[in-house]
C-alpha cells in the first residue's frame, strides 16, 4: 500500500487523484447536461436545445482535454524522476 498524503484543503496530492476527480466531475456534469437536454426537448424550445447541446459538447471536450493534460503531466513527471 502506497503512502498518499492528503491535503488539508481537499486539493488532490497526486496526478492520479486529480484525474479521478476530473473524471468524476465530468461524469456528473454530463449526466446533468443530459437531464437538462431531456427537459429542453420536452419544452420544445429549439434555441434552448441548441444551447444545451453546444454546452454539453464544450464541457465534454474541455474535460477530456484536462484529463489528457494531467495524464501527460503525470507521465512526464514520472519520466523525469
C-alpha atoms as a PDB file:
ATOM      1  CA  UNK A   1       0.000   0.000   0.000  1.00  0.00           C
ATOM      2  CA  UNK A   2       1.494   3.303  -1.086  1.00  0.00           C
ATOM      3  CA  UNK A   3       1.599   6.293   1.222  1.00  0.00           C
ATOM      4  CA  UNK A   4      -0.595   9.097  -0.017  1.00  0.00           C
ATOM      5  CA  UNK A   5      -0.532  12.445   1.750  1.00  0.00           C
ATOM      6  CA  UNK A   6      -3.888  14.217   1.828  1.00  0.00           C
ATOM      7  CA  UNK A   7      -4.035  17.987   1.617  1.00  0.00           C
ATOM      8  CA  UNK A   8      -5.838  19.855   4.393  1.00  0.00           C
ATOM      9  CA  UNK A   9      -7.847  21.808   1.810  1.00  0.00           C
ATOM     10  CA  UNK A  10      -9.129  18.834  -0.171  1.00  0.00           C
ATOM     11  CA  UNK A  11      -6.768  19.502  -3.080  1.00  0.00           C
ATOM     12  CA  UNK A  12      -5.557  16.306  -4.793  1.00  0.00           C
ATOM     13  CA  UNK A  13      -1.974  15.486  -3.870  1.00  0.00           C
ATOM     14  CA  UNK A  14      -1.195  13.378  -6.947  1.00  0.00           C
ATOM     15  CA  UNK A  15      -2.000  13.493 -10.643  1.00  0.00           C
ATOM     16  CA  UNK A  16      -3.941  10.238 -10.314  1.00  0.00           C
ATOM     17  CA  UNK A  17      -6.226  11.777  -7.710  1.00  0.00           C
ATOM     18  CA  UNK A  18      -6.688  14.812  -9.927  1.00  0.00           C
ATOM     19  CA  UNK A  19      -7.591  12.567 -12.866  1.00  0.00           C
ATOM     20  CA  UNK A  20     -10.102  10.652 -10.758  1.00  0.00           C
ATOM     21  CA  UNK A  21     -11.666  13.894  -9.515  1.00  0.00           C
ATOM     22  CA  UNK A  22     -11.897  15.352 -13.024  1.00  0.00           C
ATOM     23  CA  UNK A  23     -13.419  12.141 -14.406  1.00  0.00           C
ATOM     24  CA  UNK A  24     -15.998  12.053 -11.607  1.00  0.00           C
ATOM     25  CA  UNK A  25     -16.844  15.717 -12.171  1.00  0.00           C
ATOM     26  CA  UNK A  26     -17.064  15.220 -15.933  1.00  0.00           C
ATOM     27  CA  UNK A  27     -19.391  12.246 -15.478  1.00  0.00           C
ATOM     28  CA  UNK A  28     -21.630  14.188 -13.094  1.00  0.00           C
ATOM     29  CA  UNK A  29     -21.792  17.231 -15.364  1.00  0.00           C
ATOM     30  CA  UNK A  30     -22.525  15.016 -18.368  1.00  0.00           C
ATOM     31  CA  UNK A  31     -25.439  13.418 -16.525  1.00  0.00           C
ATOM     32  CA  UNK A  32     -26.712  16.849 -15.517  1.00  0.00           C
ATOM     33  CA  UNK A  33     -26.475  18.124 -19.096  1.00  0.00           C
ATOM     34  CA  UNK A  34     -28.334  15.016 -20.272  1.00  0.00           C
ATOM     35  CA  UNK A  35     -31.148  15.730 -17.819  1.00  0.00           C
ATOM     36  CA  UNK A  36     -31.338  19.374 -18.899  1.00  0.00           C
ATOM     37  CA  UNK A  37     -31.315  18.241 -22.525  1.00  0.00           C
ATOM     38  CA  UNK A  38     -34.288  15.968 -21.935  1.00  0.00           C
ATOM     39  CA  UNK A  39     -36.122  18.779 -20.172  1.00  0.00           C
ATOM     40  CA  UNK A  40     -35.432  21.212 -23.012  1.00  0.00           C
ATOM     41  CA  UNK A  41     -36.615  18.654 -25.581  1.00  0.00           C
ATOM     42  CA  UNK A  42     -39.824  18.228 -23.610  1.00  0.00           C
ATOM     43  CA  UNK A  43     -40.238  22.011 -23.617  1.00  0.00           C
ATOM     44  CA  UNK A  44     -39.792  22.113 -27.387  1.00  0.00           C
ATOM     45  CA  UNK A  45     -37.706  25.309 -27.500  1.00  0.00           C
ATOM     46  CA  UNK A  46     -35.145  24.840 -30.317  1.00  0.00           C
ATOM     47  CA  UNK A  47     -32.809  27.608 -29.105  1.00  0.00           C
ATOM     48  CA  UNK A  48     -32.565  26.006 -25.676  1.00  0.00           C
ATOM     49  CA  UNK A  49     -31.884  22.589 -27.199  1.00  0.00           C
ATOM     50  CA  UNK A  50     -29.044  24.041 -29.297  1.00  0.00           C
ATOM     51  CA  UNK A  51     -27.587  25.870 -26.282  1.00  0.00           C
ATOM     52  CA  UNK A  52     -27.671  22.692 -24.187  1.00  0.00           C
ATOM     53  CA  UNK A  53     -26.107  20.632 -26.977  1.00  0.00           C
ATOM     54  CA  UNK A  54     -23.297  23.147 -27.557  1.00  0.00           C
ATOM     55  CA  UNK A  55     -22.666  23.450 -23.821  1.00  0.00           C
ATOM     56  CA  UNK A  56     -22.573  19.663 -23.466  1.00  0.00           C
ATOM     57  CA  UNK A  57     -20.079  19.263 -26.284  1.00  0.00           C
ATOM     58  CA  UNK A  58     -17.893  22.050 -24.883  1.00  0.00           C
ATOM     59  CA  UNK A  59     -17.919  20.540 -21.376  1.00  0.00           C
ATOM     60  CA  UNK A  60     -17.032  17.069 -22.614  1.00  0.00           C
ATOM     61  CA  UNK A  61     -14.220  18.380 -24.848  1.00  0.00           C
ATOM     62  CA  UNK A  62     -12.817  20.591 -22.085  1.00  0.00           C
ATOM     63  CA  UNK A  63     -12.988  17.779 -19.542  1.00  0.00           C
ATOM     64  CA  UNK A  64     -11.310  15.354 -21.905  1.00  0.00           C
ATOM     65  CA  UNK A  65      -8.574  17.899 -22.646  1.00  0.00           C
ATOM     66  CA  UNK A  66      -7.962  18.421 -18.918  1.00  0.00           C
ATOM     67  CA  UNK A  67      -7.719  14.683 -18.335  1.00  0.00           C
ATOM     68  CA  UNK A  68      -5.276  14.266 -21.214  1.00  0.00           C
ATOM     69  CA  UNK A  69      -3.193  17.214 -19.979  1.00  0.00           C
ATOM     70  CA  UNK A  70      -2.971  15.858 -16.447  1.00  0.00           C
ATOM     71  CA  UNK A  71      -2.089  12.384 -17.780  1.00  0.00           C
ATOM     72  CA  UNK A  72       0.659  13.958 -19.882  1.00  0.00           C
ATOM     73  CA  UNK A  73       1.979  15.890 -16.887  1.00  0.00           C
ATOM     74  CA  UNK A  74       1.827  12.781 -14.691  1.00  0.00           C
ATOM     75  CA  UNK A  75       3.768  10.655 -17.186  1.00  0.00           C
ATOM     76  CA  UNK A  76       6.255  13.449 -17.881  1.00  0.00           C
ATOM     77  CA  UNK A  77       6.807  13.831 -14.134  1.00  0.00           C
ATOM     78  CA  UNK A  78       7.396  10.101 -13.680  1.00  0.00           C
ATOM     79  CA  UNK A  79       9.866  10.053 -16.578  1.00  0.00           C
ATOM     80  CA  UNK A  80      11.981  12.811 -15.048  1.00  0.00           C
ATOM     81  CA  UNK A  81      12.266  11.093 -11.650  1.00  0.00           C
END
